[in-house]
Amino acid sequence: MALFFDAEWFDARLGERGFSRGVLAAAAGLSAADLALVFKDQRELSAGEVAAFAELLGVEADEVAARAGVSTPVPGQEGAAEARIAALERRVAALEAEVARLRGS
């Protein structure tokens, strides 16, 4: 479980970029219910989700991890194969987020 999730900071970053929480969920491959748990400090983000949040918000992964209060490692601490998979997942998540944005989510 997250130690402290700074929902105001995340909402402000989303607002600056013109994104909704729905787009953030899509970018990270989360359901709306899972994202709600994250924002209520009842679910911790994985390293891949941290990376997806960081990419969408245009900030460093360690900033997202700190603002999310996660104890999981930040992306980049995994092995070569895991890093390639994570990079592909981020690209897919970014495409899904763009589709969600275009649909008006």
N, C-alpha and C. Protein backbone atom coordinates (compact mmCIF):
# COMPACT_ATOMS: atom_id res chain seq x y z
N MET A 1 0.85 -1.18 0.00
CA MET A 1 0.00 0.00 0.00
C MET A 1 0.89 1.24 0.00
N ALA A 2 0.46 2.24 -0.68
CA ALA A 2 1.21 3.49 -0.75
C ALA A 2 1.29 4.13 0.62
N LEU A 3 2.40 4.82 0.87
CA LEU A 3 2.58 5.51 2.14
C LEU A 3 1.86 6.86 2.13
N PHE A 4 1.86 7.52 0.98
CA PHE A 4 1.19 8.82 0.84
C PHE A 4 1.05 9.10 -0.64
N PHE A 5 -0.15 9.34 -1.10
CA PHE A 5 -0.39 9.66 -2.50
C PHE A 5 -0.86 11.10 -2.58
N ASP A 6 -0.12 11.92 -3.30
CA ASP A 6 -0.41 13.35 -3.42
C ASP A 6 -1.37 13.59 -4.59
N ALA A 7 -2.65 13.33 -4.34
CA ALA A 7 -3.68 13.44 -5.39
C ALA A 7 -3.74 14.85 -5.97
N GLU A 8 -3.57 15.87 -5.15
CA GLU A 8 -3.61 17.25 -5.64
C GLU A 8 -2.51 17.50 -6.66
N TRP A 9 -1.32 16.98 -6.39
CA TRP A 9 -0.20 17.18 -7.32
C TRP A 9 -0.50 16.49 -8.66
N PHE A 10 -1.00 15.24 -8.59
CA PHE A 10 -1.31 14.51 -9.81
C PHE A 10 -2.43 15.21 -10.59
N ASP A 11 -3.46 15.66 -9.90
CA ASP A 11 -4.55 16.36 -10.58
C ASP A 11 -4.06 17.66 -11.22
N ALA A 12 -3.16 18.35 -10.56
CA ALA A 12 -2.61 19.59 -11.12
C ALA A 12 -1.79 19.30 -12.37
N ARG A 13 -0.96 18.25 -12.35
CA ARG A 13 -0.16 17.89 -13.53
C ARG A 13 -1.09 17.48 -14.68
N LEU A 14 -2.13 16.71 -14.37
CA LEU A 14 -3.09 16.32 -15.40
C LEU A 14 -3.75 17.55 -16.01
N GLY A 15 -4.16 18.48 -15.15
CA GLY A 15 -4.80 19.71 -15.62
C GLY A 15 -3.89 20.53 -16.52
N GLU A 16 -2.62 20.63 -16.14
CA GLU A 16 -1.65 21.38 -16.94
C GLU A 16 -1.53 20.81 -18.35
N ARG A 17 -1.67 19.51 -18.47
CA ARG A 17 -1.50 18.84 -19.76
C ARG A 17 -2.84 18.61 -20.47
N GLY A 18 -3.94 18.99 -19.82
CA GLY A 18 -5.25 18.84 -20.43
C GLY A 18 -5.76 17.41 -20.44
N PHE A 19 -5.31 16.61 -19.48
CA PHE A 19 -5.72 15.21 -19.40
C PHE A 19 -6.63 14.97 -18.21
N SER A 20 -7.46 13.95 -18.33
CA SER A 20 -8.33 13.54 -17.23
C SER A 20 -7.70 12.35 -16.51
N ARG A 21 -8.30 11.99 -15.40
CA ARG A 21 -7.86 10.78 -14.71
C ARG A 21 -8.08 9.55 -15.58
N GLY A 22 -9.11 9.58 -16.42
CA GLY A 22 -9.37 8.47 -17.32
C GLY A 22 -8.22 8.23 -18.29
N VAL A 23 -7.63 9.31 -18.78
CA VAL A 23 -6.49 9.19 -19.68
C VAL A 23 -5.30 8.63 -18.91
N LEU A 24 -5.11 9.08 -17.68
CA LEU A 24 -4.02 8.56 -16.86
C LEU A 24 -4.19 7.06 -16.63
N ALA A 25 -5.40 6.65 -16.33
CA ALA A 25 -5.66 5.22 -16.13
C ALA A 25 -5.34 4.44 -17.40
N ALA A 26 -5.80 4.94 -18.54
CA ALA A 26 -5.55 4.25 -19.81
C ALA A 26 -4.05 4.16 -20.11
N ALA A 27 -3.33 5.23 -19.83
CA ALA A 27 -1.89 5.24 -20.10
C ALA A 27 -1.15 4.19 -19.29
N ALA A 28 -1.63 3.94 -18.09
CA ALA A 28 -0.98 2.98 -17.21
C ALA A 28 -1.59 1.59 -17.30
N GLY A 29 -2.63 1.43 -18.11
CA GLY A 29 -3.29 0.14 -18.23
C GLY A 29 -4.11 -0.22 -17.01
N LEU A 30 -4.62 0.80 -16.32
CA LEU A 30 -5.42 0.58 -15.12
C LEU A 30 -6.90 0.79 -15.43
N SER A 31 -7.74 0.10 -14.69
CA SER A 31 -9.17 0.38 -14.76
C SER A 31 -9.44 1.65 -13.96
N ALA A 32 -10.59 2.24 -14.18
CA ALA A 32 -10.98 3.42 -13.40
C ALA A 32 -11.03 3.08 -11.92
N ALA A 33 -11.51 1.87 -11.60
CA ALA A 33 -11.60 1.44 -10.20
C ALA A 33 -10.22 1.31 -9.57
N ASP A 34 -9.25 0.75 -10.33
CA ASP A 34 -7.89 0.62 -9.80
C ASP A 34 -7.26 1.99 -9.59
N LEU A 35 -7.48 2.91 -10.54
CA LEU A 35 -6.93 4.25 -10.38
C LEU A 35 -7.54 4.95 -9.18
N ALA A 36 -8.83 4.74 -8.96
CA ALA A 36 -9.48 5.34 -7.78
C ALA A 36 -8.83 4.83 -6.50
N LEU A 37 -8.49 3.55 -6.47
CA LEU A 37 -7.80 2.99 -5.30
C LEU A 37 -6.43 3.63 -5.11
N VAL A 38 -5.73 3.87 -6.22
CA VAL A 38 -4.42 4.53 -6.14
C VAL A 38 -4.59 5.93 -5.54
N PHE A 39 -5.56 6.69 -6.04
CA PHE A 39 -5.77 8.06 -5.57
C PHE A 39 -6.24 8.10 -4.11
N LYS A 40 -6.84 7.00 -3.63
CA LYS A 40 -7.29 6.93 -2.24
C LYS A 40 -6.25 6.29 -1.33
N ASP A 41 -5.05 6.04 -1.87
CA ASP A 41 -3.97 5.45 -1.09
C ASP A 41 -4.27 4.00 -0.67
N GLN A 42 -5.03 3.29 -1.48
CA GLN A 42 -5.38 1.92 -1.14
C GLN A 42 -4.76 0.91 -2.10
N ARG A 43 -3.97 1.40 -3.04
CA ARG A 43 -3.26 0.54 -3.99
C ARG A 43 -1.98 1.23 -4.38
N GLU A 44 -0.88 0.48 -4.36
CA GLU A 44 0.42 1.03 -4.73
C GLU A 44 0.67 0.83 -6.21
N LEU A 45 1.37 1.78 -6.82
CA LEU A 45 1.74 1.67 -8.22
C LEU A 45 2.90 0.72 -8.41
N SER A 46 2.90 0.01 -9.53
CA SER A 46 4.06 -0.82 -9.90
C SER A 46 5.09 0.08 -10.58
N ALA A 47 6.29 -0.45 -10.80
CA ALA A 47 7.33 0.32 -11.49
C ALA A 47 6.87 0.69 -12.89
N GLY A 48 6.19 -0.21 -13.59
CA GLY A 48 5.69 0.09 -14.93
C GLY A 48 4.64 1.17 -14.93
N GLU A 49 3.78 1.16 -13.92
CA GLU A 49 2.75 2.20 -13.81
C GLU A 49 3.38 3.55 -13.49
N VAL A 50 4.41 3.53 -12.65
CA VAL A 50 5.16 4.76 -12.36
C VAL A 50 5.72 5.33 -13.65
N ALA A 51 6.31 4.46 -14.48
CA ALA A 51 6.89 4.91 -15.76
C ALA A 51 5.82 5.49 -16.67
N ALA A 52 4.67 4.84 -16.75
CA ALA A 52 3.58 5.32 -17.60
C ALA A 52 3.08 6.67 -17.11
N PHE A 53 2.90 6.83 -15.80
CA PHE A 53 2.47 8.11 -15.24
C PHE A 53 3.48 9.19 -15.59
N ALA A 54 4.77 8.88 -15.40
CA ALA A 54 5.83 9.86 -15.64
C ALA A 54 5.83 10.31 -17.10
N GLU A 55 5.71 9.36 -18.01
CA GLU A 55 5.72 9.70 -19.42
C GLU A 55 4.53 10.59 -19.78
N LEU A 56 3.36 10.23 -19.31
CA LEU A 56 2.16 11.01 -19.62
C LEU A 56 2.24 12.41 -19.02
N LEU A 57 2.75 12.51 -17.80
CA LEU A 57 2.80 13.78 -17.09
C LEU A 57 4.01 14.63 -17.45
N GLY A 58 4.98 14.04 -18.16
CA GLY A 58 6.17 14.78 -18.57
C GLY A 58 7.11 15.10 -17.42
N VAL A 59 7.20 14.17 -16.47
CA VAL A 59 8.10 14.35 -15.33
C VAL A 59 8.95 13.09 -15.18
N GLU A 60 9.95 13.15 -14.33
CA GLU A 60 10.82 12.00 -14.09
C GLU A 60 10.08 10.95 -13.25
N ALA A 61 10.44 9.70 -13.47
CA ALA A 61 9.81 8.59 -12.75
C ALA A 61 10.03 8.70 -11.24
N ASP A 62 11.20 9.17 -10.83
CA ASP A 62 11.44 9.28 -9.39
C ASP A 62 10.54 10.33 -8.74
N GLU A 63 10.16 11.37 -9.50
CA GLU A 63 9.21 12.37 -8.99
C GLU A 63 7.83 11.73 -8.79
N VAL A 64 7.40 10.94 -9.77
CA VAL A 64 6.11 10.25 -9.65
C VAL A 64 6.15 9.29 -8.46
N ALA A 65 7.22 8.52 -8.34
CA ALA A 65 7.33 7.57 -7.22
C ALA A 65 7.28 8.30 -5.88
N ALA A 66 7.97 9.43 -5.79
CA ALA A 66 7.96 10.19 -4.54
C ALA A 66 6.57 10.75 -4.25
N ARG A 67 5.89 11.29 -5.27
CA ARG A 67 4.56 11.87 -5.08
C ARG A 67 3.50 10.80 -4.83
N ALA A 68 3.78 9.59 -5.31
CA ALA A 68 2.84 8.48 -5.10
C ALA A 68 3.14 7.74 -3.80
N GLY A 69 4.27 8.02 -3.19
CA GLY A 69 4.63 7.38 -1.94
C GLY A 69 4.86 5.89 -2.07
N VAL A 70 5.38 5.48 -3.23
CA VAL A 70 5.56 4.04 -3.45
C VAL A 70 6.90 3.57 -2.93
N SER A 71 6.92 2.32 -2.55
CA SER A 71 8.16 1.71 -2.09
C SER A 71 8.74 0.81 -3.16
N THR A 72 8.07 0.71 -4.32
CA THR A 72 8.58 -0.11 -5.41
C THR A 72 9.72 0.63 -6.09
N PRO A 73 10.62 -0.10 -6.72
CA PRO A 73 11.73 0.57 -7.41
C PRO A 73 11.22 1.36 -8.60
N VAL A 74 11.94 2.41 -8.91
CA VAL A 74 11.57 3.18 -10.09
C VAL A 74 12.04 2.44 -11.32
N PRO A 75 11.42 2.71 -12.46
CA PRO A 75 11.84 2.04 -13.68
C PRO A 75 13.31 2.27 -13.96
N GLY A 76 13.92 1.30 -14.62
CA GLY A 76 15.33 1.39 -14.94
C GLY A 76 16.16 0.52 -14.03
N GLN A 77 15.57 0.00 -12.98
CA GLN A 77 16.30 -0.87 -12.07
C GLN A 77 16.09 -2.34 -12.40
N GLU A 78 15.34 -2.61 -13.48
CA GLU A 78 15.12 -3.98 -13.87
C GLU A 78 16.17 -4.40 -14.89
N GLY A 79 16.18 -5.67 -15.27
CA GLY A 79 17.14 -6.20 -16.22
C GLY A 79 16.84 -5.76 -17.64
N ALA A 80 17.70 -6.15 -18.58
CA ALA A 80 17.58 -5.71 -19.97
C ALA A 80 16.26 -6.14 -20.60
N ALA A 81 15.87 -7.40 -20.46
CA ALA A 81 14.62 -7.89 -21.05
C ALA A 81 13.43 -7.16 -20.43
N GLU A 82 13.45 -7.02 -19.12
CA GLU A 82 12.36 -6.33 -18.45
C GLU A 82 12.28 -4.87 -18.88
N ALA A 83 13.43 -4.26 -19.10
CA ALA A 83 13.45 -2.86 -19.53
C ALA A 83 12.86 -2.72 -20.93
N ARG A 84 13.17 -3.65 -21.82
CA ARG A 84 12.60 -3.60 -23.17
C ARG A 84 11.09 -3.81 -23.14
N ILE A 85 10.64 -4.74 -22.32
CA ILE A 85 9.20 -4.99 -22.19
C ILE A 85 8.51 -3.75 -21.62
N ALA A 86 9.12 -3.17 -20.60
CA ALA A 86 8.54 -1.97 -19.98
C ALA A 86 8.46 -0.83 -20.99
N ALA A 87 9.49 -0.69 -21.84
CA ALA A 87 9.48 0.36 -22.86
C ALA A 87 8.35 0.13 -23.86
N LEU A 88 8.16 -1.11 -24.26
CA LEU A 88 7.07 -1.43 -25.18
C LEU A 88 5.72 -1.17 -24.53
N GLU A 89 5.59 -1.56 -23.27
CA GLU A 89 4.33 -1.32 -22.55
C GLU A 89 4.05 0.17 -22.44
N ARG A 90 5.07 0.97 -22.22
CA ARG A 90 4.87 2.42 -22.14
C ARG A 90 4.41 2.99 -23.48
N ARG A 91 4.98 2.47 -24.56
CA ARG A 91 4.57 2.95 -25.88
C ARG A 91 3.11 2.59 -26.17
N VAL A 92 2.72 1.37 -25.81
CA VAL A 92 1.33 0.95 -25.99
C VAL A 92 0.42 1.80 -25.12
N ALA A 93 0.83 2.03 -23.87
CA ALA A 93 0.02 2.84 -22.96
C ALA A 93 -0.13 4.27 -23.48
N ALA A 94 0.94 4.82 -24.05
CA ALA A 94 0.86 6.17 -24.60
C ALA A 94 -0.12 6.22 -25.77
N LEU A 95 -0.09 5.20 -26.61
CA LEU A 95 -1.04 5.14 -27.72
C LEU A 95 -2.47 5.01 -27.20
N GLU A 96 -2.68 4.16 -26.19
CA GLU A 96 -4.01 4.01 -25.62
C GLU A 96 -4.49 5.32 -25.00
N ALA A 97 -3.57 6.03 -24.35
CA ALA A 97 -3.93 7.31 -23.75
C ALA A 97 -4.34 8.33 -24.81
N GLU A 98 -3.63 8.33 -25.91
CA GLU A 98 -3.97 9.25 -27.00
C GLU A 98 -5.33 8.91 -27.59
N VAL A 99 -5.60 7.64 -27.76
CA VAL A 99 -6.92 7.21 -28.27
C VAL A 99 -8.00 7.64 -27.29
N ALA A 100 -7.77 7.44 -25.99
CA ALA A 100 -8.75 7.84 -24.97
C ALA A 100 -8.96 9.35 -25.01
N ARG A 101 -7.88 10.11 -25.18
CA ARG A 101 -7.99 11.56 -25.23
C ARG A 101 -8.81 11.99 -26.45
N LEU A 102 -8.53 11.36 -27.58
CA LEU A 102 -9.26 11.70 -28.80
C LEU A 102 -10.73 11.35 -28.72
N ARG A 103 -11.04 10.32 -27.94
CA ARG A 103 -12.44 9.93 -27.74
C ARG A 103 -13.13 10.80 -26.71
N GLY A 104 -12.36 11.65 -26.02
CA GLY A 104 -12.95 12.56 -25.05
C GLY A 104 -13.10 12.00 -23.66
N SER A 105 -12.29 11.00 -23.31
CA SER A 105 -12.38 10.39 -21.96
C SER A 105 -11.84 11.32 -20.92
